[in-house]
Protein backbone atom coordinates (compact mmCIF):
# COMPACT_ATOMS: atom_id res chain seq x y z
CA MET A 1 -12.99 -9.71 -118.45
CA ILE A 2 -15.54 -8.61 -115.91
CA VAL A 3 -16.89 -5.08 -116.04
CA ALA A 4 -19.05 -3.44 -113.40
CA PHE A 5 -20.62 -0.23 -114.61
CA SER A 6 -23.21 2.31 -113.64
CA ILE A 7 -25.00 4.61 -116.07
CA THR A 8 -26.75 7.64 -114.64
CA PRO A 9 -29.08 9.74 -116.78
CA LEU A 10 -28.78 13.43 -115.92
CA GLY A 11 -31.30 16.14 -116.65
CA VAL A 12 -34.34 13.86 -116.58
CA GLY A 13 -35.65 14.68 -113.11
CA GLU A 14 -35.79 12.37 -110.14
CA GLY A 15 -37.38 9.40 -111.91
CA VAL A 16 -34.55 7.55 -113.63
CA ALA A 17 -36.04 4.04 -113.70
CA GLU A 18 -37.15 4.19 -117.34
CA PRO A 19 -33.83 5.44 -118.74
CA VAL A 20 -31.87 2.97 -116.60
CA ALA A 21 -34.17 0.14 -117.70
CA ARG A 22 -33.19 0.94 -121.29
CA ALA A 23 -29.54 0.26 -120.42
CA VAL A 24 -30.30 -2.92 -118.49
CA ARG A 25 -32.40 -4.19 -121.39
CA VAL A 26 -29.42 -3.77 -123.74
CA VAL A 27 -27.23 -5.76 -121.35
CA ARG A 28 -29.74 -8.57 -120.88
CA GLU A 29 -30.37 -8.85 -124.61
CA SER A 30 -26.60 -9.14 -125.26
CA GLY A 31 -26.58 -12.78 -124.16
CA LEU A 32 -23.43 -12.24 -122.08
CA PRO A 33 -23.41 -13.32 -118.43
CA ASN A 34 -24.65 -10.37 -116.40
CA ARG A 35 -26.06 -9.33 -113.06
CA THR A 36 -27.74 -6.09 -111.99
CA ASP A 37 -28.05 -4.80 -108.42
CA ALA A 38 -29.01 -1.47 -106.90
CA MET A 39 -25.67 0.16 -107.73
CA PHE A 40 -24.05 -1.56 -110.73
CA THR A 41 -24.56 -3.87 -113.64
CA THR A 42 -21.83 -6.47 -114.06
CA ILE A 43 -21.14 -8.16 -117.37
CA GLU A 44 -18.56 -10.74 -118.44
CA GLY A 45 -17.00 -11.48 -121.81
CA GLU A 46 -14.22 -10.51 -124.17
CA TRP A 47 -13.06 -6.87 -124.30
CA ASP A 48 -14.69 -5.94 -127.63
CA GLU A 49 -18.03 -7.57 -126.89
CA VAL A 50 -18.28 -6.15 -123.36
CA MET A 51 -17.29 -2.63 -124.42
CA SER A 52 -19.75 -2.79 -127.30
CA VAL A 53 -22.55 -3.62 -124.86
CA VAL A 54 -21.52 -0.79 -122.53
CA LYS A 55 -21.50 1.66 -125.44
CA ARG A 56 -24.92 0.51 -126.65
CA ALA A 57 -26.29 0.83 -123.10
CA VAL A 58 -24.94 4.38 -122.81
CA ASP A 59 -26.38 5.23 -126.23
CA ALA A 60 -29.79 3.86 -125.21
CA VAL A 61 -29.85 6.17 -122.18
CA ALA A 62 -28.51 9.12 -124.20
CA GLU A 63 -31.55 8.82 -126.47
CA VAL A 64 -33.74 10.06 -123.58
CA ALA A 65 -31.31 12.02 -121.40
CA PRO A 66 -29.44 15.20 -122.34
CA ARG A 67 -26.41 14.10 -120.31
CA VAL A 68 -25.13 10.67 -119.21
CA SER A 69 -22.62 9.74 -116.50
CA LEU A 70 -20.71 6.44 -116.77
CA VAL A 71 -18.71 4.79 -113.98
CA LEU A 72 -16.81 1.67 -115.02
CA LYS A 73 -14.56 -0.79 -113.19
CA ALA A 74 -12.91 -3.67 -115.04
CA ASP A 75 -11.12 -6.87 -114.02
CA LEU A 76 -8.93 -8.02 -116.90
CA ARG A 77 -7.59 -11.50 -116.33
CA ALA A 78 -6.49 -13.59 -119.30
CA GLY A 79 -7.70 -17.16 -119.48
CA VAL A 80 -10.46 -16.82 -116.89
CA THR A 81 -14.01 -17.68 -117.83
CA ASP A 82 -17.05 -17.71 -115.57
CA GLY A 83 -15.24 -15.27 -113.27
CA MET A 84 -18.46 -13.70 -111.99
CA THR A 85 -19.56 -17.03 -110.54
CA SER A 86 -16.19 -18.40 -109.49
CA LYS A 87 -15.28 -15.28 -107.49
CA ILE A 88 -18.49 -15.53 -105.47
CA GLU A 89 -18.11 -19.29 -104.98
CA SER A 90 -14.57 -18.78 -103.64
CA LEU A 91 -15.79 -16.10 -101.26
CA GLU A 92 -18.64 -18.28 -100.01
CA ARG A 93 -16.23 -21.16 -99.29
CA HIS A 94 -14.20 -18.83 -97.08
CA LEU A 95 -17.31 -17.66 -95.26
CA SER A 96 -18.39 -21.19 -94.35
């Protein structure tokens, strides 16, 4: 499963880098394949492990923000591993 998610701390003012960094740190320390860009963090693994990481990331932000918004998009495809990389490689082949 691949999950792209965005956690937004609310009620902390305009500077959200520190609360967001708390979430990204949780993801990176999980050991699961992941990637962070300006809009989303993407993580890949089995349902329980991915959802556990998302919950811990939300909890880390909630420790410093009175309100937290979570946007999540999931690609559930049985039997696929390394989907984050293979999807991009397939796209790149079609762009060549």
